[in-house]
Amino acid sequence: MIPLRNNLKNKSFPFINWLLIGINFYFFIVELAIPNPKALDSFIAHWAVIPKILWAHPSQHLFSLVTAAFLHGGWLHIISNMLFLHIFGDSVEDRMGHFRYVIFYLLAGIIANGIQAYFTPASTIPLIGASGAIAGVLGAYFFYYPYSDIEALIPIFFFITIRSVPAFIFLGYWFILQTLNSTFSITSMASGHTMGGIAFIAHAAGFIAGLIMGPAFSKQTGRNR
């Protein structure tokens, strides 16, 4: 399912959310402007989370838990991430307020990247992307607005249709997929296999972090319908 919009009306302009989207695209353009693959690899290695290096020299590389969340591996990676951030982030910012939303977003990214690195301590594969932080936003949205409607593209066999889906179904389905894939990743690593590609553990961890932190960062108590 691909989200298109939600049905919520915000009381304030989500300028922090737009700023985060702009910063992500800015650093992606910086990546694209790097002249050769070797220089790009060096740039990524410096700013990404590389679990083996992080745990070998934690005091020197803790910054990467934040900086990695502003790097992306390609157009599909950044567009899909920014689509989710645009659709869900503005409502979460509206509920939290601008300052709290910044702190929440960064904390969610740090927690998600940290837990991914914890479960993959020997990995030398760079961990990049805003997915963990955005997963935190999804977790908070799930807590705040479980009964809001998400208009989404839904593939049904060979056809694609647009339907409104309650947020708790859309996000619950997303979280279950991430959790199942996280379990598979951890099981595979325990069997001695090296896992690359999508950081499903960071996704699941970020969502849970957002769900837990959401109540503390809200300007009001309770949930919205």
N, C-alpha and C. Protein backbone atom coordinates (compact mmCIF):
# COMPACT_ATOMS: atom_id res chain seq x y z
N MET A 1 0.84 -1.19 0.00
CA MET A 1 0.00 0.00 0.00
C MET A 1 0.88 1.25 0.00
N ILE A 2 0.51 2.21 -0.83
CA ILE A 2 1.24 3.46 -0.92
C ILE A 2 0.33 4.59 -0.46
N PRO A 3 0.70 5.30 0.61
CA PRO A 3 -0.18 6.37 1.11
C PRO A 3 -0.15 7.58 0.18
N LEU A 4 -1.32 8.22 0.05
CA LEU A 4 -1.43 9.42 -0.78
C LEU A 4 -1.73 10.66 0.04
N ARG A 5 -2.60 10.52 1.06
CA ARG A 5 -2.95 11.65 1.93
C ARG A 5 -3.73 11.13 3.12
N ASN A 6 -3.84 11.97 4.16
CA ASN A 6 -4.74 11.65 5.25
C ASN A 6 -5.86 12.69 5.29
N ASN A 7 -6.83 12.48 6.15
CA ASN A 7 -8.01 13.36 6.17
C ASN A 7 -7.97 14.38 7.31
N LEU A 8 -6.80 14.58 7.92
CA LEU A 8 -6.71 15.48 9.06
C LEU A 8 -6.45 16.93 8.62
N LYS A 9 -7.02 17.85 9.36
CA LYS A 9 -6.79 19.28 9.13
C LYS A 9 -5.89 19.80 10.25
N ASN A 10 -4.74 20.30 9.88
CA ASN A 10 -3.79 20.79 10.87
C ASN A 10 -4.10 22.22 11.29
N LYS A 11 -3.78 22.52 12.55
CA LYS A 11 -4.01 23.86 13.08
C LYS A 11 -2.83 24.78 12.83
N SER A 12 -1.66 24.21 12.56
CA SER A 12 -0.46 25.02 12.33
C SER A 12 0.26 24.52 11.09
N PHE A 13 1.06 25.42 10.50
CA PHE A 13 1.82 25.04 9.32
C PHE A 13 3.02 24.18 9.74
N PRO A 14 3.21 23.02 9.11
CA PRO A 14 4.28 22.09 9.54
C PRO A 14 5.64 22.46 8.98
N PHE A 15 6.16 23.63 9.37
CA PHE A 15 7.40 24.09 8.73
C PHE A 15 8.60 23.23 9.12
N ILE A 16 8.58 22.61 10.31
CA ILE A 16 9.69 21.73 10.69
C ILE A 16 9.69 20.48 9.79
N ASN A 17 8.52 19.95 9.53
CA ASN A 17 8.44 18.77 8.66
C ASN A 17 8.96 19.09 7.26
N TRP A 18 8.56 20.25 6.75
CA TRP A 18 9.06 20.66 5.43
C TRP A 18 10.57 20.92 5.47
N LEU A 19 11.04 21.46 6.59
CA LEU A 19 12.48 21.69 6.73
C LEU A 19 13.24 20.37 6.72
N LEU A 20 12.72 19.36 7.42
CA LEU A 20 13.36 18.04 7.44
C LEU A 20 13.39 17.43 6.04
N ILE A 21 12.29 17.58 5.32
CA ILE A 21 12.24 17.07 3.94
C ILE A 21 13.28 17.79 3.09
N GLY A 22 13.37 19.11 3.25
CA GLY A 22 14.35 19.89 2.49
C GLY A 22 15.78 19.49 2.82
N ILE A 23 16.08 19.28 4.10
CA ILE A 23 17.43 18.89 4.51
C ILE A 23 17.78 17.53 3.92
N ASN A 24 16.84 16.60 3.95
CA ASN A 24 17.10 15.28 3.37
C ASN A 24 17.40 15.37 1.88
N PHE A 25 16.63 16.16 1.16
CA PHE A 25 16.88 16.31 -0.27
C PHE A 25 18.21 17.05 -0.52
N TYR A 26 18.52 18.01 0.33
CA TYR A 26 19.79 18.75 0.17
C TYR A 26 20.97 17.79 0.25
N PHE A 27 20.99 16.94 1.27
CA PHE A 27 22.13 16.02 1.42
C PHE A 27 22.13 14.94 0.34
N PHE A 28 20.96 14.62 -0.18
CA PHE A 28 20.93 13.67 -1.29
C PHE A 28 21.55 14.31 -2.53
N ILE A 29 21.27 15.58 -2.75
CA ILE A 29 21.89 16.29 -3.88
C ILE A 29 23.40 16.38 -3.68
N VAL A 30 23.83 16.59 -2.43
CA VAL A 30 25.27 16.59 -2.13
C VAL A 30 25.89 15.25 -2.53
N GLU A 31 25.21 14.16 -2.21
CA GLU A 31 25.69 12.83 -2.59
C GLU A 31 25.80 12.71 -4.11
N LEU A 32 24.76 13.18 -4.82
CA LEU A 32 24.75 13.09 -6.27
C LEU A 32 25.88 13.91 -6.91
N ALA A 33 26.28 14.98 -6.23
CA ALA A 33 27.29 15.88 -6.78
C ALA A 33 28.72 15.38 -6.56
N ILE A 34 28.89 14.34 -5.74
CA ILE A 34 30.24 13.81 -5.49
C ILE A 34 30.75 13.17 -6.78
N PRO A 35 31.93 13.56 -7.22
CA PRO A 35 32.36 13.27 -8.59
C PRO A 35 32.62 11.81 -8.95
N ASN A 36 33.04 10.99 -8.02
CA ASN A 36 33.36 9.61 -8.40
C ASN A 36 32.94 8.63 -7.31
N PRO A 37 32.74 7.37 -7.67
CA PRO A 37 32.27 6.36 -6.72
C PRO A 37 33.16 6.20 -5.50
N LYS A 38 34.47 6.34 -5.67
CA LYS A 38 35.38 6.17 -4.54
C LYS A 38 35.17 7.27 -3.50
N ALA A 39 35.03 8.50 -3.99
CA ALA A 39 34.79 9.62 -3.08
C ALA A 39 33.43 9.49 -2.40
N LEU A 40 32.44 8.99 -3.14
CA LEU A 40 31.11 8.79 -2.55
C LEU A 40 31.16 7.73 -1.46
N ASP A 41 31.88 6.63 -1.72
CA ASP A 41 32.02 5.58 -0.70
C ASP A 41 32.68 6.13 0.56
N SER A 42 33.67 6.99 0.38
CA SER A 42 34.36 7.58 1.52
C SER A 42 33.43 8.51 2.30
N PHE A 43 32.63 9.28 1.58
CA PHE A 43 31.66 10.19 2.20
C PHE A 43 30.63 9.40 3.02
N ILE A 44 30.08 8.34 2.42
CA ILE A 44 29.10 7.51 3.10
C ILE A 44 29.71 6.83 4.32
N ALA A 45 30.92 6.31 4.17
CA ALA A 45 31.58 5.61 5.28
C ALA A 45 31.80 6.54 6.47
N HIS A 46 32.02 7.82 6.19
CA HIS A 46 32.27 8.77 7.28
C HIS A 46 30.99 9.13 8.04
N TRP A 47 29.87 9.30 7.30
CA TRP A 47 28.65 9.82 7.92
C TRP A 47 27.62 8.75 8.23
N ALA A 48 27.74 7.56 7.66
CA ALA A 48 26.78 6.48 7.91
C ALA A 48 27.11 5.75 9.21
N VAL A 49 26.13 4.99 9.70
CA VAL A 49 26.39 4.08 10.82
C VAL A 49 26.97 2.79 10.26
N ILE A 50 28.18 2.48 10.65
CA ILE A 50 28.78 1.18 10.32
C ILE A 50 28.96 0.46 11.66
N PRO A 51 28.08 -0.49 11.97
CA PRO A 51 28.03 -1.07 13.32
C PRO A 51 29.38 -1.51 13.88
N LYS A 52 30.16 -2.20 13.08
CA LYS A 52 31.45 -2.70 13.59
C LYS A 52 32.36 -1.56 14.03
N ILE A 53 32.37 -0.48 13.25
CA ILE A 53 33.20 0.68 13.58
C ILE A 53 32.60 1.44 14.76
N LEU A 54 31.28 1.56 14.77
CA LEU A 54 30.61 2.26 15.87
C LEU A 54 30.93 1.63 17.21
N TRP A 55 30.83 0.30 17.29
CA TRP A 55 31.07 -0.37 18.57
C TRP A 55 32.55 -0.46 18.91
N ALA A 56 33.41 -0.39 17.90
CA ALA A 56 34.86 -0.41 18.17
C ALA A 56 35.32 0.92 18.74
N HIS A 57 34.71 2.04 18.27
CA HIS A 57 35.10 3.38 18.73
C HIS A 57 33.84 4.21 18.95
N PRO A 58 33.02 3.86 19.93
CA PRO A 58 31.72 4.52 20.10
C PRO A 58 31.81 6.03 20.32
N SER A 59 32.77 6.49 21.10
CA SER A 59 32.85 7.93 21.40
C SER A 59 33.15 8.75 20.15
N GLN A 60 33.82 8.14 19.18
CA GLN A 60 34.19 8.86 17.96
C GLN A 60 33.12 8.80 16.88
N HIS A 61 32.17 7.88 17.03
CA HIS A 61 31.21 7.67 15.94
C HIS A 61 29.75 7.76 16.36
N LEU A 62 29.48 8.21 17.59
CA LEU A 62 28.09 8.36 18.02
C LEU A 62 27.33 9.34 17.13
N PHE A 63 28.03 10.34 16.59
CA PHE A 63 27.39 11.33 15.72
C PHE A 63 26.71 10.67 14.52
N SER A 64 27.24 9.51 14.10
CA SER A 64 26.70 8.85 12.91
C SER A 64 25.27 8.36 13.11
N LEU A 65 24.85 8.17 14.37
CA LEU A 65 23.47 7.76 14.64
C LEU A 65 22.48 8.83 14.19
N VAL A 66 22.95 10.07 14.13
CA VAL A 66 22.12 11.18 13.64
C VAL A 66 22.35 11.41 12.15
N THR A 67 23.62 11.55 11.76
CA THR A 67 23.92 11.93 10.38
C THR A 67 23.46 10.88 9.37
N ALA A 68 23.47 9.61 9.77
CA ALA A 68 23.05 8.54 8.85
C ALA A 68 21.60 8.71 8.42
N ALA A 69 20.80 9.35 9.29
CA ALA A 69 19.37 9.52 9.01
C ALA A 69 19.10 10.57 7.93
N PHE A 70 20.15 11.25 7.45
CA PHE A 70 19.97 12.27 6.42
C PHE A 70 20.64 11.88 5.10
N LEU A 71 21.01 10.60 4.99
CA LEU A 71 21.61 10.09 3.76
C LEU A 71 20.68 9.05 3.15
N HIS A 72 20.74 8.93 1.82
CA HIS A 72 19.88 7.94 1.14
C HIS A 72 20.64 7.27 0.00
N GLY A 73 20.16 6.08 -0.35
CA GLY A 73 20.87 5.25 -1.31
C GLY A 73 20.38 5.33 -2.74
N GLY A 74 19.43 6.21 -3.03
CA GLY A 74 18.92 6.31 -4.40
C GLY A 74 17.61 7.07 -4.42
N TRP A 75 17.12 7.35 -5.64
CA TRP A 75 15.90 8.14 -5.78
C TRP A 75 14.68 7.45 -5.16
N LEU A 76 14.54 6.16 -5.38
CA LEU A 76 13.40 5.44 -4.81
C LEU A 76 13.44 5.48 -3.28
N HIS A 77 14.64 5.34 -2.73
CA HIS A 77 14.83 5.35 -1.29
C HIS A 77 14.35 6.68 -0.69
N ILE A 78 14.84 7.78 -1.24
CA ILE A 78 14.50 9.08 -0.66
C ILE A 78 13.06 9.48 -0.95
N ILE A 79 12.56 9.20 -2.16
CA ILE A 79 11.18 9.59 -2.49
C ILE A 79 10.17 8.85 -1.64
N SER A 80 10.38 7.55 -1.45
CA SER A 80 9.44 6.78 -0.62
C SER A 80 9.49 7.25 0.83
N ASN A 81 10.69 7.53 1.34
CA ASN A 81 10.81 8.02 2.71
C ASN A 81 10.15 9.38 2.88
N MET A 82 10.40 10.29 1.96
CA MET A 82 9.86 11.64 2.08
C MET A 82 8.34 11.66 1.85
N LEU A 83 7.83 10.74 1.07
CA LEU A 83 6.38 10.62 0.89
C LEU A 83 5.72 10.29 2.22
N PHE A 84 6.25 9.29 2.92
CA PHE A 84 5.70 8.91 4.23
C PHE A 84 5.86 10.05 5.23
N LEU A 85 7.02 10.72 5.22
CA LEU A 85 7.24 11.82 6.15
C LEU A 85 6.26 12.97 5.89
N HIS A 86 6.04 13.27 4.62
CA HIS A 86 5.12 14.35 4.25
C HIS A 86 3.69 14.04 4.70
N ILE A 87 3.24 12.83 4.50
CA ILE A 87 1.85 12.49 4.78
C ILE A 87 1.58 12.36 6.27
N PHE A 88 2.51 11.77 7.01
CA PHE A 88 2.27 11.51 8.43
C PHE A 88 2.92 12.54 9.36
N GLY A 89 4.02 13.14 8.92
CA GLY A 89 4.78 14.01 9.80
C GLY A 89 4.09 15.31 10.14
N ASP A 90 3.34 15.90 9.17
CA ASP A 90 2.73 17.19 9.46
C ASP A 90 1.71 17.10 10.59
N SER A 91 0.94 16.00 10.64
CA SER A 91 -0.05 15.84 11.70
C SER A 91 0.60 15.57 13.05
N VAL A 92 1.70 14.85 13.03
CA VAL A 92 2.42 14.58 14.28
C VAL A 92 3.05 15.87 14.80
N GLU A 93 3.62 16.68 13.90
CA GLU A 93 4.17 17.97 14.31
C GLU A 93 3.08 18.87 14.89
N ASP A 94 1.90 18.85 14.28
CA ASP A 94 0.78 19.66 14.76
C ASP A 94 0.39 19.26 16.18
N ARG A 95 0.44 17.96 16.46
CA ARG A 95 0.07 17.45 17.78
C ARG A 95 1.16 17.73 18.83
N MET A 96 2.42 17.71 18.42
CA MET A 96 3.53 17.88 19.36
C MET A 96 3.94 19.34 19.54
N GLY A 97 3.83 20.12 18.47
CA GLY A 97 4.45 21.43 18.45
C GLY A 97 5.81 21.32 17.78
N HIS A 98 6.29 22.43 17.27
CA HIS A 98 7.48 22.41 16.41
C HIS A 98 8.74 21.95 17.14
N PHE A 99 9.01 22.53 18.31
CA PHE A 99 10.25 22.20 19.02
C PHE A 99 10.25 20.74 19.46
N ARG A 100 9.17 20.28 20.07
CA ARG A 100 9.10 18.90 20.53
C ARG A 100 9.23 17.93 19.36
N TYR A 101 8.68 18.31 18.23
CA TYR A 101 8.73 17.42 17.06
C TYR A 101 10.17 17.22 16.60
N VAL A 102 10.98 18.28 16.59
CA VAL A 102 12.40 18.14 16.20
C VAL A 102 13.11 17.16 17.12
N ILE A 103 12.94 17.36 18.42
CA ILE A 103 13.61 16.48 19.39
C ILE A 103 13.13 15.05 19.23
N PHE A 104 11.83 14.88 19.08
CA PHE A 104 11.25 13.54 18.90
C PHE A 104 11.83 12.86 17.67
N TYR A 105 11.86 13.57 16.55
CA TYR A 105 12.33 12.99 15.28
C TYR A 105 13.77 12.52 15.41
N LEU A 106 14.63 13.36 15.98
CA LEU A 106 16.03 12.99 16.12
C LEU A 106 16.21 11.82 17.08
N LEU A 107 15.47 11.83 18.19
CA LEU A 107 15.55 10.72 19.15
C LEU A 107 15.10 9.41 18.51
N ALA A 108 14.02 9.46 17.76
CA ALA A 108 13.53 8.25 17.09
C ALA A 108 14.58 7.69 16.13
N GLY A 109 15.25 8.58 15.39
CA GLY A 109 16.30 8.14 14.48
C GLY A 109 17.48 7.53 15.20
N ILE A 110 17.89 8.17 16.31
CA ILE A 110 19.01 7.65 17.10
C ILE A 110 18.68 6.27 17.66
N ILE A 111 17.49 6.13 18.22
CA ILE A 111 17.08 4.84 18.81
C ILE A 111 17.01 3.76 17.74
N ALA A 112 16.38 4.08 16.61
CA ALA A 112 16.22 3.09 15.54
C ALA A 112 17.58 2.64 15.00
N ASN A 113 18.46 3.59 14.71
CA ASN A 113 19.79 3.24 14.20
C ASN A 113 20.61 2.50 15.24
N GLY A 114 20.49 2.93 16.50
CA GLY A 114 21.24 2.27 17.56
C GLY A 114 20.83 0.82 17.75
N ILE A 115 19.52 0.56 17.70
CA ILE A 115 19.04 -0.82 17.88
C ILE A 115 19.42 -1.68 16.67
N GLN A 116 19.35 -1.11 15.47
CA GLN A 116 19.80 -1.85 14.29
C GLN A 116 21.28 -2.22 14.44
N ALA A 117 22.09 -1.27 14.89
CA ALA A 117 23.52 -1.54 15.09
C ALA A 117 23.75 -2.56 16.20
N TYR A 118 22.91 -2.52 17.22
CA TYR A 118 23.05 -3.46 18.35
C TYR A 118 22.85 -4.90 17.88
N PHE A 119 21.89 -5.11 16.99
CA PHE A 119 21.60 -6.47 16.52
C PHE A 119 22.51 -6.90 15.37
N THR A 120 23.31 -5.96 14.84
CA THR A 120 24.24 -6.31 13.75
C THR A 120 25.64 -5.80 14.08
N PRO A 121 26.20 -6.18 15.23
CA PRO A 121 27.45 -5.56 15.72
C PRO A 121 28.67 -5.82 14.84
N ALA A 122 28.65 -6.88 14.06
CA ALA A 122 29.82 -7.20 13.23
C ALA A 122 29.68 -6.70 11.79
N SER A 123 28.57 -6.04 11.50
CA SER A 123 28.31 -5.62 10.12
C SER A 123 29.20 -4.46 9.71
N THR A 124 29.69 -4.53 8.48
CA THR A 124 30.46 -3.42 7.90
C THR A 124 29.67 -2.73 6.80
N ILE A 125 28.39 -3.07 6.69
CA ILE A 125 27.53 -2.45 5.68
C ILE A 125 27.02 -1.11 6.22
N PRO A 126 27.22 0.00 5.51
CA PRO A 126 26.75 1.30 5.99
C PRO A 126 25.23 1.33 6.14
N LEU A 127 24.79 1.84 7.26
CA LEU A 127 23.36 2.00 7.53
C LEU A 127 23.00 3.46 7.29
N ILE A 128 22.15 3.71 6.29
CA ILE A 128 21.75 5.08 5.96
C ILE A 128 20.24 5.13 5.73
N GLY A 129 19.70 6.34 5.83
CA GLY A 129 18.29 6.55 5.53
C GLY A 129 17.51 7.10 6.70
N ALA A 130 16.44 7.82 6.37
CA ALA A 130 15.57 8.42 7.38
C ALA A 130 14.50 7.46 7.86
N SER A 131 14.52 6.22 7.38
CA SER A 131 13.43 5.28 7.65
C SER A 131 13.18 5.07 9.14
N GLY A 132 14.24 4.96 9.95
CA GLY A 132 14.06 4.72 11.37
C GLY A 132 13.36 5.87 12.06
N ALA A 133 13.80 7.12 11.74
CA ALA A 133 13.17 8.31 12.31
C ALA A 133 11.72 8.42 11.85
N ILE A 134 11.48 8.14 10.57
CA ILE A 134 10.12 8.22 10.04
C ILE A 134 9.24 7.13 10.64
N ALA A 135 9.81 5.97 10.90
CA ALA A 135 9.06 4.92 11.58
C ALA A 135 8.60 5.39 12.95
N GLY A 136 9.44 6.19 13.62
CA GLY A 136 9.03 6.78 14.88
C GLY A 136 7.83 7.70 14.70
N VAL A 137 7.83 8.49 13.64
CA VAL A 137 6.70 9.36 13.31
C VAL A 137 5.44 8.52 13.08
N LEU A 138 5.58 7.40 12.39
CA LEU A 138 4.44 6.52 12.15
C LEU A 138 3.90 5.95 13.46
N GLY A 139 4.80 5.58 14.37
CA GLY A 139 4.38 5.06 15.66
C GLY A 139 3.58 6.09 16.45
N ALA A 140 4.06 7.35 16.44
CA ALA A 140 3.34 8.42 17.15
C ALA A 140 1.99 8.68 16.48
N TYR A 141 1.97 8.68 15.15
CA TYR A 141 0.70 8.88 14.42
C TYR A 141 -0.29 7.78 14.78
N PHE A 142 0.20 6.55 14.85
CA PHE A 142 -0.65 5.41 15.21
C PHE A 142 -1.29 5.63 16.58
N PHE A 143 -0.51 6.19 17.52
CA PHE A 143 -1.06 6.46 18.86
C PHE A 143 -2.05 7.62 18.83
N TYR A 144 -1.70 8.71 18.14
CA TYR A 144 -2.52 9.91 18.16
C TYR A 144 -3.81 9.78 17.34
N TYR A 145 -3.71 9.21 16.16
CA TYR A 145 -4.82 9.27 15.21
C TYR A 145 -5.16 7.89 14.63
N PRO A 146 -5.45 6.91 15.45
CA PRO A 146 -5.67 5.55 14.92
C PRO A 146 -6.89 5.43 14.01
N TYR A 147 -7.86 6.35 14.17
CA TYR A 147 -9.09 6.23 13.39
C TYR A 147 -9.17 7.23 12.25
N SER A 148 -8.10 7.95 11.99
CA SER A 148 -8.09 8.82 10.82
C SER A 148 -8.06 7.95 9.56
N ASP A 149 -8.44 8.54 8.44
CA ASP A 149 -8.45 7.80 7.17
C ASP A 149 -7.20 8.10 6.36
N ILE A 150 -6.60 7.06 5.84
CA ILE A 150 -5.44 7.18 4.95
C ILE A 150 -5.88 6.77 3.55
N GLU A 151 -5.82 7.70 2.62
CA GLU A 151 -6.12 7.35 1.23
C GLU A 151 -4.87 6.74 0.62
N ALA A 152 -4.99 5.55 0.06
CA ALA A 152 -3.80 4.81 -0.38
C ALA A 152 -4.02 4.09 -1.69
N LEU A 153 -2.93 3.92 -2.43
CA LEU A 153 -2.94 3.05 -3.61
C LEU A 153 -2.80 1.61 -3.13
N ILE A 154 -3.73 0.77 -3.51
CA ILE A 154 -3.72 -0.61 -3.04
C ILE A 154 -3.71 -1.55 -4.24
N PRO A 155 -2.66 -2.35 -4.42
CA PRO A 155 -2.65 -3.33 -5.51
C PRO A 155 -3.55 -4.52 -5.18
N ILE A 156 -4.42 -4.87 -6.11
CA ILE A 156 -5.28 -6.05 -5.95
C ILE A 156 -5.08 -6.91 -7.19
N PHE A 157 -4.32 -7.96 -7.03
CA PHE A 157 -3.91 -8.82 -8.14
C PHE A 157 -3.19 -7.96 -9.18
N PHE A 158 -3.75 -7.82 -10.41
CA PHE A 158 -3.07 -7.06 -11.45
C PHE A 158 -3.59 -5.63 -11.56
N PHE A 159 -4.44 -5.22 -10.63
CA PHE A 159 -5.04 -3.90 -10.68
C PHE A 159 -4.60 -3.08 -9.47
N ILE A 160 -4.65 -1.76 -9.64
CA ILE A 160 -4.35 -0.84 -8.54
C ILE A 160 -5.57 0.04 -8.32
N THR A 161 -6.01 0.12 -7.08
CA THR A 161 -7.18 0.93 -6.75
C THR A 161 -6.83 1.90 -5.64
N ILE A 162 -7.63 2.94 -5.52
CA ILE A 162 -7.44 3.92 -4.44
C ILE A 162 -8.57 3.75 -3.44
N ARG A 163 -8.20 3.53 -2.19
CA ARG A 163 -9.18 3.31 -1.13
C ARG A 163 -8.76 4.06 0.13
N SER A 164 -9.75 4.43 0.94
CA SER A 164 -9.47 5.00 2.26
C SER A 164 -9.41 3.87 3.28
N VAL A 165 -8.32 3.87 4.04
CA VAL A 165 -8.08 2.81 5.01
C VAL A 165 -7.86 3.45 6.38
N PRO A 166 -8.48 2.94 7.44
CA PRO A 166 -8.20 3.48 8.78
C PRO A 166 -6.71 3.39 9.09
N ALA A 167 -6.20 4.40 9.76
CA ALA A 167 -4.76 4.46 10.04
C ALA A 167 -4.28 3.25 10.81
N PHE A 168 -5.09 2.75 11.75
CA PHE A 168 -4.62 1.62 12.55
C PHE A 168 -4.47 0.36 11.70
N ILE A 169 -5.22 0.26 10.62
CA ILE A 169 -5.06 -0.88 9.71
C ILE A 169 -3.84 -0.67 8.82
N PHE A 170 -3.73 0.51 8.22
CA PHE A 170 -2.62 0.80 7.33
C PHE A 170 -1.29 0.67 8.07
N LEU A 171 -1.17 1.35 9.20
CA LEU A 171 0.09 1.35 9.95
C LEU A 171 0.32 0.03 10.68
N GLY A 172 -0.77 -0.60 11.13
CA GLY A 172 -0.63 -1.92 11.76
C GLY A 172 -0.09 -2.94 10.78
N TYR A 173 -0.60 -2.91 9.56
CA TYR A 173 -0.11 -3.81 8.50
C TYR A 173 1.36 -3.54 8.21
N TRP A 174 1.71 -2.24 8.10
CA TRP A 174 3.11 -1.87 7.86
C TRP A 174 4.00 -2.38 8.97
N PHE A 175 3.59 -2.19 10.22
CA PHE A 175 4.41 -2.60 11.36
C PHE A 175 4.57 -4.13 11.42
N ILE A 176 3.51 -4.85 11.15
CA ILE A 176 3.58 -6.32 11.16
C ILE A 176 4.59 -6.80 10.12
N LEU A 177 4.59 -6.19 8.93
CA LEU A 177 5.56 -6.58 7.90
C LEU A 177 6.99 -6.32 8.37
N GLN A 178 7.22 -5.16 8.99
CA GLN A 178 8.57 -4.83 9.46
C GLN A 178 9.00 -5.79 10.57
N THR A 179 8.06 -6.13 11.45
CA THR A 179 8.38 -7.02 12.56
C THR A 179 8.71 -8.42 12.07
N LEU A 180 7.93 -8.91 11.12
CA LEU A 180 8.19 -10.24 10.57
C LEU A 180 9.55 -10.27 9.87
N ASN A 181 9.83 -9.23 9.10
CA ASN A 181 11.12 -9.18 8.42
C ASN A 181 12.27 -9.00 9.40
N SER A 182 12.02 -8.26 10.50
CA SER A 182 13.05 -8.10 11.53
C SER A 182 13.37 -9.44 12.17
N THR A 183 12.32 -10.19 12.48
CA THR A 183 12.50 -11.51 13.09
C THR A 183 13.30 -12.42 12.17
N PHE A 184 12.97 -12.37 10.88
CA PHE A 184 13.70 -13.18 9.90
C PHE A 184 15.16 -12.75 9.83
N SER A 185 15.41 -11.42 9.89
CA SER A 185 16.79 -10.92 9.84
C SER A 185 17.60 -11.41 11.03
N ILE A 186 17.01 -11.30 12.23
CA ILE A 186 17.72 -11.71 13.45
C ILE A 186 17.98 -13.21 13.43
N THR A 187 16.98 -13.98 12.99
CA THR A 187 17.14 -15.44 12.91
C THR A 187 18.23 -15.81 11.92
N SER A 188 18.25 -15.11 10.78
CA SER A 188 19.26 -15.40 9.76
C SER A 188 20.66 -15.08 10.26
N MET A 189 20.79 -13.96 10.97
CA MET A 189 22.10 -13.59 11.50
C MET A 189 22.56 -14.57 12.57
N ALA A 190 21.62 -15.07 13.36
CA ALA A 190 21.96 -16.07 14.38
C ALA A 190 22.45 -17.36 13.74
N SER A 191 22.02 -17.58 12.49
CA SER A 191 22.44 -18.79 11.77
C SER A 191 23.75 -18.57 11.01
N GLY A 192 24.29 -17.36 11.13
CA GLY A 192 25.58 -17.08 10.49
C GLY A 192 25.50 -16.41 9.15
N HIS A 193 24.30 -15.98 8.73
CA HIS A 193 24.16 -15.32 7.44
C HIS A 193 24.35 -13.81 7.60
N THR A 194 24.94 -13.17 6.62
CA THR A 194 25.11 -11.72 6.61
C THR A 194 23.91 -11.08 5.96
N MET A 195 23.32 -10.10 6.67
CA MET A 195 22.14 -9.44 6.15
C MET A 195 22.50 -8.05 5.63
N GLY A 196 22.01 -7.71 4.45
CA GLY A 196 22.18 -6.38 3.90
C GLY A 196 20.83 -5.84 3.48
N GLY A 197 20.84 -4.78 2.66
CA GLY A 197 19.59 -4.28 2.14
C GLY A 197 18.82 -3.44 3.14
N ILE A 198 17.54 -3.72 3.27
CA ILE A 198 16.64 -2.89 4.09
C ILE A 198 16.84 -3.17 5.57
N ALA A 199 16.89 -2.08 6.36
CA ALA A 199 17.12 -2.21 7.81
C ALA A 199 15.77 -2.38 8.52
N PHE A 200 15.20 -3.58 8.41
CA PHE A 200 13.88 -3.82 8.99
C PHE A 200 13.87 -3.67 10.51
N ILE A 201 14.97 -4.02 11.15
CA ILE A 201 15.04 -3.90 12.62
C ILE A 201 14.89 -2.43 13.02
N ALA A 202 15.54 -1.54 12.28
CA ALA A 202 15.44 -0.11 12.57
C ALA A 202 14.01 0.37 12.38
N HIS A 203 13.32 -0.15 11.38
CA HIS A 203 11.93 0.24 11.13
C HIS A 203 11.04 -0.15 12.31
N ALA A 204 11.13 -1.40 12.71
CA ALA A 204 10.30 -1.89 13.82
C ALA A 204 10.65 -1.17 15.11
N ALA A 205 11.95 -0.97 15.37
CA ALA A 205 12.39 -0.30 16.59
C ALA A 205 11.94 1.15 16.61
N GLY A 206 12.04 1.83 15.48
CA GLY A 206 11.62 3.22 15.40
C GLY A 206 10.13 3.36 15.66
N PHE A 207 9.33 2.46 15.09
CA PHE A 207 7.88 2.50 15.29
C PHE A 207 7.53 2.33 16.77
N ILE A 208 8.14 1.34 17.41
CA ILE A 208 7.88 1.09 18.84
C ILE A 208 8.32 2.30 19.67
N ALA A 209 9.48 2.88 19.33
CA ALA A 209 9.96 4.06 20.05
C ALA A 209 8.97 5.21 19.91
N GLY A 210 8.45 5.41 18.70
CA GLY A 210 7.48 6.47 18.49
C GLY A 210 6.19 6.23 19.24
N LEU A 211 5.76 5.00 19.29
CA LEU A 211 4.54 4.63 20.00
C LEU A 211 4.70 4.90 21.50
N ILE A 212 5.88 4.60 22.03
CA ILE A 212 6.13 4.79 23.46
C ILE A 212 6.33 6.26 23.79
N MET A 213 7.09 6.97 22.95
CA MET A 213 7.40 8.38 23.24
C MET A 213 6.25 9.32 22.90
N GLY A 214 5.35 8.89 22.02
CA GLY A 214 4.27 9.76 21.57
C GLY A 214 3.50 10.45 22.68
N PRO A 215 3.02 9.72 23.68
CA PRO A 215 2.26 10.37 24.76
C PRO A 215 3.05 11.45 25.48
N ALA A 216 4.35 11.23 25.70
CA ALA A 216 5.17 12.19 26.43
C ALA A 216 5.43 13.46 25.64
N PHE A 217 5.42 13.38 24.30
CA PHE A 217 5.71 14.53 23.47
C PHE A 217 4.46 15.30 23.03
N SER A 218 3.29 14.80 23.36
CA SER A 218 2.05 15.43 22.92
C SER A 218 1.74 16.69 23.72
N LYS A 219 1.14 17.69 23.05
CA LYS A 219 0.69 18.89 23.74
C LYS A 219 -0.62 18.66 24.49
N GLN A 220 -1.31 17.57 24.17
CA GLN A 220 -2.58 17.26 24.81
C GLN A 220 -2.63 15.78 25.14
N THR A 221 -3.54 15.39 26.03
CA THR A 221 -3.64 14.00 26.42
C THR A 221 -4.67 13.27 25.56
N GLY A 222 -4.57 11.95 25.55
CA GLY A 222 -5.57 11.13 24.86
C GLY A 222 -5.31 11.00 23.37
N ARG A 223 -6.27 10.39 22.68
CA ARG A 223 -6.18 10.17 21.25
C ARG A 223 -7.23 10.96 20.52
N ASN A 224 -7.04 11.17 19.23
CA ASN A 224 -8.03 11.83 18.39
C ASN A 224 -8.73 10.80 17.53
N ARG A 225 -9.97 11.07 17.23
CA ARG A 225 -10.70 10.20 16.31
C ARG A 225 -10.76 10.83 14.93
